[in-house]
Amino acid sequence: MLGKFLCKLWVTIDYAATTASAYSVALISYDRFLSVNKAVLHRSLQKRHSQTALNMILVWFCSFIIYGPAVLLWETITGTNNLPEDSCRAGFLETWYFILGASTLDFILPLLSISFFNLSIYLAIIKRSTKRQDYALSSSAKEKAKDKMPFSIANNIVLLSPQTNVKGDNNSVPCMDLKITSNSSQNPERCNRQNDSNKLSQDKKAAKSLAILVSVFIFCWTPYSLVACIRAVCHGYCADIFYIETTAWFLWANSAINPILYPVCHKSFRKAFKLLLQQFIKFFLT
């Protein structure tokens, strides 16, 4: 009895963890989408740690709901058990309608979301780059003139108040003069363009790193999803269980590679990973 329970527990964790990995990639793609297209909203969400925790809880909850009840209660729901006693697999592997539905939720839906977010990021970067190039060409002549007479920013202001005599009167009327001295100069338009250029460069780097993450996800998930669907439709006659077990290693590899890709591709993940590693080392050494 305990062996059967541990088997179901292992299969549940296996399916939930791999599905959570796919949803995490979709969540990261959504985060990059907000960073590029809605920067103000993205900055406000970054300050809400409770929102981040809620997103992670939802990822694991949805991952468990898709497969957990089916793995644990499949025999009770269907009233049949077609698996050998020494087999530790899910009972729905040859049930085509469940496999197609689950594959839609744990692969097709994340894939469509990831594709939409990445396409939006790509189009936004292309639009921003084109706009920046057009602006640079149209204002090149004007920029040369402004470089010769840059806008001065006053650092010191001195007020002078001499007195002027009024004709026919011994009284005097104070006059105010304004003297401005400056020891610095800047071109505000140039500063704005430099900031836009830096933001565009950061967005391009984020898009490239995200493209690597998505490519690895597609490469690891596609074989298993195709084999599982084909096997379920033909009731196991056209695809041996060997192919399911082999392609499942690609899913596990994706879950193992992602924690490495996150800090490699993203500076913020790298800082967080370094801090977490330091805390672990400090905990075990003290």
C-alpha atoms as a PDB file:
ATOM      1  CA  MET A   1       0.000   0.000   0.000  1.00  0.00           C
ATOM      2  CA  LEU A   2       2.781   2.425   0.888  1.00  0.00           C
ATOM      3  CA  GLY A   3       4.602   1.585  -2.344  1.00  0.00           C
ATOM      4  CA  LYS A   4       1.524   2.411  -4.409  1.00  0.00           C
ATOM      5  CA  PHE A   5       1.026   5.679  -2.534  1.00  0.00           C
ATOM      6  CA  LEU A   6       4.655   6.717  -3.015  1.00  0.00           C
ATOM      7  CA  CYS A   7       4.373   5.848  -6.697  1.00  0.00           C
ATOM      8  CA  LYS A   8       1.350   8.133  -7.153  1.00  0.00           C
ATOM      9  CA  LEU A   9       3.054  10.852  -5.142  1.00  0.00           C
ATOM     10  CA  TRP A  10       6.137  10.649  -7.360  1.00  0.00           C
ATOM     11  CA  VAL A  11       4.086  10.755 -10.581  1.00  0.00           C
ATOM     12  CA  THR A  12       2.089  13.739  -9.281  1.00  0.00           C
ATOM     13  CA  ILE A  13       5.251  15.671  -8.391  1.00  0.00           C
ATOM     14  CA  ASP A  14       6.776  14.726 -11.756  1.00  0.00           C
ATOM     15  CA  TYR A  15       3.872  16.102 -13.803  1.00  0.00           C
ATOM     16  CA  ALA A  16       3.337  19.151 -11.572  1.00  0.00           C
ATOM     17  CA  ALA A  17       7.022  20.154 -11.586  1.00  0.00           C
ATOM     18  CA  THR A  18       7.411  19.919 -15.357  1.00  0.00           C
ATOM     19  CA  THR A  19       4.163  21.827 -15.939  1.00  0.00           C
ATOM     20  CA  ALA A  20       5.247  24.498 -13.446  1.00  0.00           C
ATOM     21  CA  SER A  21       8.470  24.853 -15.432  1.00  0.00           C
ATOM     22  CA  ALA A  22       6.476  25.596 -18.599  1.00  0.00           C
ATOM     23  CA  TYR A  23       4.240  28.090 -16.808  1.00  0.00           C
ATOM     24  CA  SER A  24       7.299  29.787 -15.301  1.00  0.00           C
ATOM     25  CA  VAL A  25       8.716  30.420 -18.779  1.00  0.00           C
ATOM     26  CA  ALA A  26       5.365  31.927 -19.800  1.00  0.00           C
ATOM     27  CA  LEU A  27       5.379  34.085 -16.659  1.00  0.00           C
ATOM     28  CA  ILE A  28       8.903  35.337 -17.378  1.00  0.00           C
ATOM     29  CA  SER A  29       7.854  36.138 -20.958  1.00  0.00           C
ATOM     30  CA  TYR A  30       4.932  38.141 -19.587  1.00  0.00           C
ATOM     31  CA  ASP A  31       7.291  40.011 -17.252  1.00  0.00           C
ATOM     32  CA  ARG A  32       9.585  40.940 -20.173  1.00  0.00           C
ATOM     33  CA  PHE A  33       6.525  41.959 -22.201  1.00  0.00           C
ATOM     34  CA  LEU A  34       5.506  44.421 -19.480  1.00  0.00           C
ATOM     35  CA  SER A  35       9.071  45.695 -19.165  1.00  0.00           C
ATOM     36  CA  VAL A  36       9.247  46.587 -22.865  1.00  0.00           C
ATOM     37  CA  ASN A  37       5.675  47.653 -23.608  1.00  0.00           C
ATOM     38  CA  LYS A  38       4.391  48.945 -20.256  1.00  0.00           C
ATOM     39  CA  ALA A  39       7.411  50.112 -18.298  1.00  0.00           C
ATOM     40  CA  VAL A  40       5.484  52.181 -15.724  1.00  0.00           C
ATOM     41  CA  LEU A  41       3.188  49.284 -14.804  1.00  0.00           C
ATOM     42  CA  HIS A  42       6.169  46.922 -14.693  1.00  0.00           C
ATOM     43  CA  ARG A  43       8.048  49.142 -12.228  1.00  0.00           C
ATOM     44  CA  SER A  44       5.010  49.383  -9.962  1.00  0.00           C
ATOM     45  CA  LEU A  45       4.511  45.602  -9.986  1.00  0.00           C
ATOM     46  CA  GLN A  46       8.161  44.994  -9.143  1.00  0.00           C
ATOM     47  CA  LYS A  47       7.640  46.764  -5.826  1.00  0.00           C
ATOM     48  CA  ARG A  48       4.778  44.419  -4.878  1.00  0.00           C
ATOM     49  CA  HIS A  49       6.432  41.332  -3.428  1.00  0.00           C
ATOM     50  CA  SER A  50       3.026  39.899  -2.531  1.00  0.00           C
ATOM     51  CA  GLN A  51       2.080  39.930  -6.226  1.00  0.00           C
ATOM     52  CA  THR A  52       5.198  37.911  -7.089  1.00  0.00           C
ATOM     53  CA  ALA A  53       4.416  35.362  -4.373  1.00  0.00           C
ATOM     54  CA  LEU A  54       0.822  35.107  -5.598  1.00  0.00           C
ATOM     55  CA  ASN A  55       1.978  34.459  -9.170  1.00  0.00           C
ATOM     56  CA  MET A  56       4.236  31.614  -8.048  1.00  0.00           C
ATOM     57  CA  ILE A  57       1.465  30.082  -5.941  1.00  0.00           C
ATOM     58  CA  LEU A  58      -0.893  30.222  -8.937  1.00  0.00           C
ATOM     59  CA  VAL A  59       1.733  28.547 -11.141  1.00  0.00           C
ATOM     60  CA  TRP A  60       2.084  25.572  -8.805  1.00  0.00           C
ATOM     61  CA  PHE A  61      -1.638  25.410  -8.039  1.00  0.00           C
ATOM     62  CA  CYS A  62      -2.599  25.263 -11.726  1.00  0.00           C
ATOM     63  CA  SER A  63       0.146  22.721 -12.385  1.00  0.00           C
ATOM     64  CA  PHE A  64      -1.195  20.458  -9.638  1.00  0.00           C
ATOM     65  CA  ILE A  65      -4.846  20.839 -10.645  1.00  0.00           C
ATOM     66  CA  ILE A  66      -4.169  19.660 -14.210  1.00  0.00           C
ATOM     67  CA  TYR A  67      -2.601  16.328 -13.264  1.00  0.00           C
ATOM     68  CA  GLY A  68      -2.811  15.817  -9.484  1.00  0.00           C
ATOM     69  CA  PRO A  69      -6.448  14.706  -9.141  1.00  0.00           C
ATOM     70  CA  ALA A  70      -6.190  12.552 -12.279  1.00  0.00           C
ATOM     71  CA  VAL A  71      -3.084  10.723 -11.030  1.00  0.00           C
ATOM     72  CA  LEU A  72      -4.419  10.184  -7.517  1.00  0.00           C
ATOM     73  CA  LEU A  73      -8.053   9.364  -8.371  1.00  0.00           C
ATOM     74  CA  TRP A  74      -7.916   7.832 -11.876  1.00  0.00           C
ATOM     75  CA  GLU A  75      -8.829   4.320 -10.732  1.00  0.00           C
ATOM     76  CA  THR A  76     -11.708   5.651  -8.639  1.00  0.00           C
ATOM     77  CA  ILE A  77     -13.064   7.833 -11.448  1.00  0.00           C
ATOM     78  CA  THR A  78     -12.800   5.278 -14.273  1.00  0.00           C
ATOM     79  CA  GLY A  79     -13.291   2.142 -12.184  1.00  0.00           C
ATOM     80  CA  THR A  80     -10.512   0.342 -14.074  1.00  0.00           C
ATOM     81  CA  ASN A  81      -6.807  -0.286 -13.607  1.00  0.00           C
ATOM     82  CA  ASN A  82      -4.959  -1.370 -16.734  1.00  0.00           C
ATOM     83  CA  LEU A  83      -1.454  -0.890 -15.336  1.00  0.00           C
ATOM     84  CA  PRO A  84       0.721  -3.798 -14.220  1.00  0.00           C
ATOM     85  CA  GLU A  85       1.382  -4.105 -10.502  1.00  0.00           C
ATOM     86  CA  ASP A  86       5.077  -3.320 -10.890  1.00  0.00           C
ATOM     87  CA  SER A  87       4.449  -0.272 -13.118  1.00  0.00           C
ATOM     88  CA  CYS A  88       4.728   3.254 -11.726  1.00  0.00           C
ATOM     89  CA  ARG A  89       2.976   5.311 -14.401  1.00  0.00           C
ATOM     90  CA  ALA A  90      -0.131   7.419 -14.731  1.00  0.00           C
ATOM     91  CA  GLY A  91      -3.292   5.550 -15.666  1.00  0.00           C
ATOM     92  CA  PHE A  92      -4.345   8.066 -18.317  1.00  0.00           C
ATOM     93  CA  LEU A  93      -1.402   7.609 -20.706  1.00  0.00           C
ATOM     94  CA  GLU A  94      -3.599   5.867 -23.291  1.00  0.00           C
ATOM     95  CA  THR A  95      -6.726   7.994 -22.771  1.00  0.00           C
ATOM     96  CA  TRP A  96      -6.602  10.261 -25.792  1.00  0.00           C
ATOM     97  CA  TYR A  97      -9.132  12.914 -24.736  1.00  0.00           C
ATOM     98  CA  PHE A  98      -7.382  13.495 -21.403  1.00  0.00           C
ATOM     99  CA  ILE A  99      -3.910  13.597 -22.982  1.00  0.00           C
ATOM    100  CA  LEU A 100      -5.042  16.060 -25.656  1.00  0.00           C
ATOM    101  CA  GLY A 101      -6.734  18.273 -23.083  1.00  0.00           C
ATOM    102  CA  ALA A 102      -3.783  18.178 -20.692  1.00  0.00           C
ATOM    103  CA  SER A 103      -1.293  18.813 -23.513  1.00  0.00           C
ATOM    104  CA  THR A 104      -3.331  21.841 -24.537  1.00  0.00           C
ATOM    105  CA  LEU A 105      -3.119  23.241 -21.014  1.00  0.00           C
ATOM    106  CA  ASP A 106       0.510  22.429 -20.195  1.00  0.00           C
ATOM    107  CA  PHE A 107       2.134  22.917 -23.630  1.00  0.00           C
ATOM    108  CA  ILE A 108      -0.067  24.510 -26.311  1.00  0.00           C
ATOM    109  CA  LEU A 109      -1.435  27.295 -24.087  1.00  0.00           C
ATOM    110  CA  PRO A 110       1.986  28.288 -22.659  1.00  0.00           C
ATOM    111  CA  LEU A 111       3.486  28.067 -26.159  1.00  0.00           C
ATOM    112  CA  LEU A 112       0.849  30.403 -27.616  1.00  0.00           C
ATOM    113  CA  SER A 113       1.299  32.825 -24.716  1.00  0.00           C
ATOM    114  CA  ILE A 114       5.079  32.782 -25.049  1.00  0.00           C
ATOM    115  CA  SER A 115       4.842  33.294 -28.820  1.00  0.00           C
ATOM    116  CA  PHE A 116       2.478  36.253 -28.395  1.00  0.00           C
ATOM    117  CA  PHE A 117       4.633  37.949 -25.749  1.00  0.00           C
ATOM    118  CA  ASN A 118       7.860  37.455 -27.691  1.00  0.00           C
ATOM    119  CA  LEU A 119       6.319  38.653 -30.956  1.00  0.00           C
ATOM    120  CA  SER A 120       5.018  41.758 -29.173  1.00  0.00           C
ATOM    121  CA  ILE A 121       8.467  42.399 -27.693  1.00  0.00           C
ATOM    122  CA  TYR A 122      10.110  41.967 -31.095  1.00  0.00           C
ATOM    123  CA  LEU A 123       7.671  44.331 -32.834  1.00  0.00           C
ATOM    124  CA  ALA A 124       8.032  46.940 -30.078  1.00  0.00           C
ATOM    125  CA  ILE A 125      11.826  46.875 -30.355  1.00  0.00           C
ATOM    126  CA  ILE A 126      11.686  47.123 -34.166  1.00  0.00           C
ATOM    127  CA  LYS A 127       9.241  50.034 -33.955  1.00  0.00           C
ATOM    128  CA  ARG A 128      11.383  51.826 -31.383  1.00  0.00           C
ATOM    129  CA  SER A 129      14.569  51.289 -33.400  1.00  0.00           C
ATOM    130  CA  THR A 130      12.936  52.558 -36.609  1.00  0.00           C
ATOM    131  CA  LYS A 131      11.518  55.590 -34.834  1.00  0.00           C
ATOM    132  CA  ARG A 132      14.899  56.398 -33.330  1.00  0.00           C
ATOM    133  CA  GLN A 133      16.656  56.112 -36.716  1.00  0.00           C
ATOM    134  CA  ASP A 134      14.058  58.315 -38.438  1.00  0.00           C
ATOM    135  CA  TYR A 135      14.353  60.929 -35.720  1.00  0.00           C
ATOM    136  CA  ALA A 136      18.139  60.928 -35.946  1.00  0.00           C
ATOM    137  CA  LEU A 137      18.064  61.469 -39.720  1.00  0.00           C
ATOM    138  CA  SER A 138      15.459  64.245 -39.634  1.00  0.00           C
ATOM    139  CA  SER A 139      17.142  66.212 -36.858  1.00  0.00           C
ATOM    140  CA  SER A 140      20.804  65.824 -37.837  1.00  0.00           C
ATOM    141  CA  ALA A 141      21.071  69.335 -39.326  1.00  0.00           C
ATOM    142  CA  LYS A 142      19.278  70.881 -36.379  1.00  0.00           C
ATOM    143  CA  GLU A 143      21.525  69.009 -33.981  1.00  0.00           C
ATOM    144  CA  LYS A 144      24.665  70.475 -35.530  1.00  0.00           C
ATOM    145  CA  ALA A 145      23.349  73.989 -34.961  1.00  0.00           C
ATOM    146  CA  LYS A 146      22.430  73.218 -31.387  1.00  0.00           C
ATOM    147  CA  ASP A 147      25.858  71.745 -30.696  1.00  0.00           C
ATOM    148  CA  LYS A 148      27.392  75.134 -31.514  1.00  0.00           C
ATOM    149  CA  MET A 149      25.056  76.983 -29.140  1.00  0.00           C
ATOM    150  CA  PRO A 150      24.134  74.529 -26.408  1.00  0.00           C
ATOM    151  CA  PHE A 151      21.450  75.267 -23.905  1.00  0.00           C
ATOM    152  CA  SER A 152      23.056  76.731 -20.748  1.00  0.00           C
ATOM    153  CA  ILE A 153      21.997  75.711 -17.274  1.00  0.00           C
ATOM    154  CA  ALA A 154      22.529  78.477 -14.736  1.00  0.00           C
ATOM    155  CA  ASN A 155      24.351  77.555 -11.577  1.00  0.00           C
ATOM    156  CA  ASN A 156      24.711  81.026 -10.011  1.00  0.00           C
ATOM    157  CA  ILE A 157      22.205  83.881 -10.013  1.00  0.00           C
ATOM    158  CA  VAL A 158      23.171  87.360  -8.727  1.00  0.00           C
ATOM    159  CA  LEU A 159      20.616  90.122  -8.197  1.00  0.00           C
ATOM    160  CA  LEU A 160      21.841  93.739  -8.577  1.00  0.00           C
ATOM    161  CA  SER A 161      19.710  96.609  -7.241  1.00  0.00           C
ATOM    162  CA  PRO A 162      21.108 100.055  -8.158  1.00  0.00           C
ATOM    163  CA  GLN A 163      19.148 103.250  -7.551  1.00  0.00           C
ATOM    164  CA  THR A 164      18.019 105.647 -10.293  1.00  0.00           C
ATOM    165  CA  ASN A 165      17.165 109.277  -9.598  1.00  0.00           C
ATOM    166  CA  VAL A 166      13.868 110.548 -10.897  1.00  0.00           C
ATOM    167  CA  LYS A 167      14.050 113.883 -12.711  1.00  0.00           C
ATOM    168  CA  GLY A 168      12.772 116.759 -10.666  1.00  0.00           C
ATOM    169  CA  ASP A 169      12.655 114.781  -7.464  1.00  0.00           C
ATOM    170  CA  ASN A 170      15.123 114.013  -4.744  1.00  0.00           C
ATOM    171  CA  ASN A 171      13.660 110.539  -4.328  1.00  0.00           C
ATOM    172  CA  SER A 172      15.113 107.527  -5.994  1.00  0.00           C
ATOM    173  CA  VAL A 173      13.472 104.430  -7.495  1.00  0.00           C
ATOM    174  CA  PRO A 174      15.231 101.106  -7.036  1.00  0.00           C
ATOM    175  CA  CYS A 175      15.860  99.161 -10.216  1.00  0.00           C
ATOM    176  CA  MET A 176      16.496  95.474 -10.408  1.00  0.00           C
ATOM    177  CA  ASP A 177      18.937  93.852 -12.757  1.00  0.00           C
ATOM    178  CA  LEU A 178      19.556  90.159 -13.170  1.00  0.00           C
ATOM    179  CA  LYS A 179      22.950  88.657 -13.757  1.00  0.00           C
ATOM    180  CA  ILE A 180      23.298  84.966 -14.576  1.00  0.00           C
ATOM    181  CA  THR A 181      26.556  83.106 -14.613  1.00  0.00           C
ATOM    182  CA  SER A 182      27.047  79.518 -15.649  1.00  0.00           C
ATOM    183  CA  ASN A 183      29.835  77.013 -15.604  1.00  0.00           C
ATOM    184  CA  SER A 184      28.061  74.083 -17.255  1.00  0.00           C
ATOM    185  CA  SER A 185      26.063  73.376 -20.362  1.00  0.00           C
ATOM    186  CA  GLN A 186      23.977  70.470 -21.577  1.00  0.00           C
ATOM    187  CA  ASN A 187      21.719  69.653 -24.436  1.00  0.00           C
ATOM    188  CA  PRO A 188      18.482  68.256 -22.931  1.00  0.00           C
ATOM    189  CA  GLU A 189      17.412  66.592 -26.176  1.00  0.00           C
ATOM    190  CA  ARG A 190      20.715  64.751 -26.314  1.00  0.00           C
ATOM    191  CA  CYS A 191      20.193  63.478 -22.747  1.00  0.00           C
ATOM    192  CA  ASN A 192      16.724  62.191 -23.603  1.00  0.00           C
ATOM    193  CA  ARG A 193      17.988  60.397 -26.681  1.00  0.00           C
ATOM    194  CA  GLN A 194      20.813  58.848 -24.670  1.00  0.00           C
ATOM    195  CA  ASN A 195      18.322  57.517 -22.115  1.00  0.00           C
ATOM    196  CA  ASP A 196      16.148  56.099 -24.894  1.00  0.00           C
ATOM    197  CA  SER A 197      19.199  54.465 -26.446  1.00  0.00           C
ATOM    198  CA  ASN A 198      20.176  52.835 -23.144  1.00  0.00           C
ATOM    199  CA  LYS A 199      16.623  51.552 -22.606  1.00  0.00           C
ATOM    200  CA  LEU A 200      16.507  50.181 -26.141  1.00  0.00           C
ATOM    201  CA  SER A 201      19.829  48.389 -25.629  1.00  0.00           C
ATOM    202  CA  GLN A 202      18.566  46.817 -22.401  1.00  0.00           C
ATOM    203  CA  ASP A 203      15.357  45.678 -24.098  1.00  0.00           C
ATOM    204  CA  LYS A 204      17.335  44.053 -26.921  1.00  0.00           C
ATOM    205  CA  LYS A 205      19.500  42.131 -24.448  1.00  0.00           C
ATOM    206  CA  ALA A 206      16.404  40.990 -22.552  1.00  0.00           C
ATOM    207  CA  ALA A 207      14.748  39.870 -25.802  1.00  0.00           C
ATOM    208  CA  LYS A 208      17.816  37.841 -26.826  1.00  0.00           C
ATOM    209  CA  SER A 209      18.078  36.096 -23.460  1.00  0.00           C
ATOM    210  CA  LEU A 210      14.351  35.371 -23.503  1.00  0.00           C
ATOM    211  CA  ALA A 211      14.648  33.927 -27.022  1.00  0.00           C
ATOM    212  CA  ILE A 212      17.251  31.457 -25.725  1.00  0.00           C
ATOM    213  CA  LEU A 213      14.972  30.442 -22.864  1.00  0.00           C
ATOM    214  CA  VAL A 214      11.987  29.955 -25.185  1.00  0.00           C
ATOM    215  CA  SER A 215      14.014  27.988 -27.754  1.00  0.00           C
ATOM    216  CA  VAL A 216      15.172  25.556 -25.071  1.00  0.00           C
ATOM    217  CA  PHE A 217      11.574  25.212 -23.851  1.00  0.00           C
ATOM    218  CA  ILE A 218      10.232  24.387 -27.330  1.00  0.00           C
ATOM    219  CA  PHE A 219      13.074  21.946 -28.036  1.00  0.00           C
ATOM    220  CA  CYS A 220      12.531  20.050 -24.783  1.00  0.00           C
ATOM    221  CA  TRP A 221       8.728  19.984 -24.737  1.00  0.00           C
ATOM    222  CA  THR A 222       7.779  19.296 -28.354  1.00  0.00           C
ATOM    223  CA  PRO A 223       9.013  15.656 -28.598  1.00  0.00           C
ATOM    224  CA  TYR A 224       7.181  14.474 -25.481  1.00  0.00           C
ATOM    225  CA  SER A 225       3.940  16.282 -26.329  1.00  0.00           C
ATOM    226  CA  LEU A 226       3.852  14.829 -29.848  1.00  0.00           C
ATOM    227  CA  VAL A 227       4.670  11.290 -28.733  1.00  0.00           C
ATOM    228  CA  ALA A 228       2.140  11.404 -25.886  1.00  0.00           C
ATOM    229  CA  CYS A 229      -0.654  12.609 -28.180  1.00  0.00           C
ATOM    230  CA  ILE A 230       0.153  10.074 -30.918  1.00  0.00           C
ATOM    231  CA  ARG A 231       0.324   7.210 -28.420  1.00  0.00           C
ATOM    232  CA  ALA A 232      -2.968   8.224 -26.808  1.00  0.00           C
ATOM    233  CA  VAL A 233      -4.823   8.492 -30.141  1.00  0.00           C
ATOM    234  CA  CYS A 234      -3.694   5.049 -31.346  1.00  0.00           C
ATOM    235  CA  HIS A 235      -4.094   3.507 -27.853  1.00  0.00           C
ATOM    236  CA  GLY A 236      -0.418   2.679 -27.510  1.00  0.00           C
ATOM    237  CA  TYR A 237      -0.096   0.579 -30.677  1.00  0.00           C
ATOM    238  CA  CYS A 238       1.930   3.040 -32.783  1.00  0.00           C
ATOM    239  CA  ALA A 239       4.263   4.399 -30.102  1.00  0.00           C
ATOM    240  CA  ASP A 240       5.881   2.199 -27.503  1.00  0.00           C
ATOM    241  CA  ILE A 241       6.159   3.303 -23.880  1.00  0.00           C
ATOM    242  CA  PHE A 242       9.922   3.472 -24.482  1.00  0.00           C
ATOM    243  CA  TYR A 243       9.435   6.683 -26.480  1.00  0.00           C
ATOM    244  CA  ILE A 244       7.370   8.229 -23.690  1.00  0.00           C
ATOM    245  CA  GLU A 245      10.065   7.451 -21.136  1.00  0.00           C
ATOM    246  CA  THR A 246      12.847   8.676 -23.433  1.00  0.00           C
ATOM    247  CA  THR A 247      11.217  11.981 -24.350  1.00  0.00           C
ATOM    248  CA  ALA A 248      10.278  12.520 -20.697  1.00  0.00           C
ATOM    249  CA  TRP A 249      13.988  13.010 -20.033  1.00  0.00           C
ATOM    250  CA  PHE A 250      13.820  16.111 -22.218  1.00  0.00           C
ATOM    251  CA  LEU A 251      11.182  17.553 -19.880  1.00  0.00           C
ATOM    252  CA  TRP A 252      13.334  16.840 -16.849  1.00  0.00           C
ATOM    253  CA  ALA A 253      16.329  18.324 -18.647  1.00  0.00           C
ATOM    254  CA  ASN A 254      14.357  21.509 -19.283  1.00  0.00           C
ATOM    255  CA  SER A 255      13.507  21.795 -15.585  1.00  0.00           C
ATOM    256  CA  ALA A 256      17.189  21.271 -14.746  1.00  0.00           C
ATOM    257  CA  ILE A 257      18.481  23.727 -17.369  1.00  0.00           C
ATOM    258  CA  ASN A 258      16.102  26.593 -16.554  1.00  0.00           C
ATOM    259  CA  PRO A 259      17.638  27.425 -13.133  1.00  0.00           C
ATOM    260  CA  ILE A 260      20.985  27.718 -14.943  1.00  0.00           C
ATOM    261  CA  LEU A 261      19.635  29.792 -17.841  1.00  0.00           C
ATOM    262  CA  TYR A 262      17.849  32.267 -15.573  1.00  0.00           C
ATOM    263  CA  PRO A 263      20.993  33.669 -13.884  1.00  0.00           C
ATOM    264  CA  VAL A 264      23.051  33.384 -17.078  1.00  0.00           C
ATOM    265  CA  CYS A 265      20.562  35.338 -19.200  1.00  0.00           C
ATOM    266  CA  HIS A 266      19.195  37.821 -16.673  1.00  0.00           C
ATOM    267  CA  LYS A 267      21.213  40.139 -14.467  1.00  0.00           C
ATOM    268  CA  SER A 268      18.486  40.367 -11.823  1.00  0.00           C
ATOM    269  CA  PHE A 269      18.280  36.572 -11.555  1.00  0.00           C
ATOM    270  CA  ARG A 270      22.059  36.438 -11.335  1.00  0.00           C
ATOM    271  CA  LYS A 271      22.086  38.834  -8.390  1.00  0.00           C
ATOM    272  CA  ALA A 272      19.285  36.959  -6.631  1.00  0.00           C
ATOM    273  CA  PHE A 273      20.977  33.603  -7.248  1.00  0.00           C
ATOM    274  CA  LYS A 274      24.283  34.918  -5.894  1.00  0.00           C
ATOM    275  CA  LEU A 275      22.578  36.269  -2.780  1.00  0.00           C
ATOM    276  CA  LEU A 276      20.730  32.981  -2.247  1.00  0.00           C
ATOM    277  CA  LEU A 277      23.946  30.996  -2.660  1.00  0.00           C
ATOM    278  CA  GLN A 278      25.716  33.217  -0.135  1.00  0.00           C
ATOM    279  CA  GLN A 279      22.918  32.656   2.371  1.00  0.00           C
ATOM    280  CA  PHE A 280      23.140  28.880   1.912  1.00  0.00           C
ATOM    281  CA  ILE A 281      26.908  28.906   2.404  1.00  0.00           C
ATOM    282  CA  LYS A 282      26.580  31.115   5.464  1.00  0.00           C
ATOM    283  CA  PHE A 283      23.894  28.821   6.919  1.00  0.00           C
ATOM    284  CA  PHE A 284      25.918  25.620   6.529  1.00  0.00           C
ATOM    285  CA  LEU A 285      29.235  27.103   7.668  1.00  0.00           C
ATOM    286  CA  THR A 286      27.889  28.741  10.824  1.00  0.00           C
END
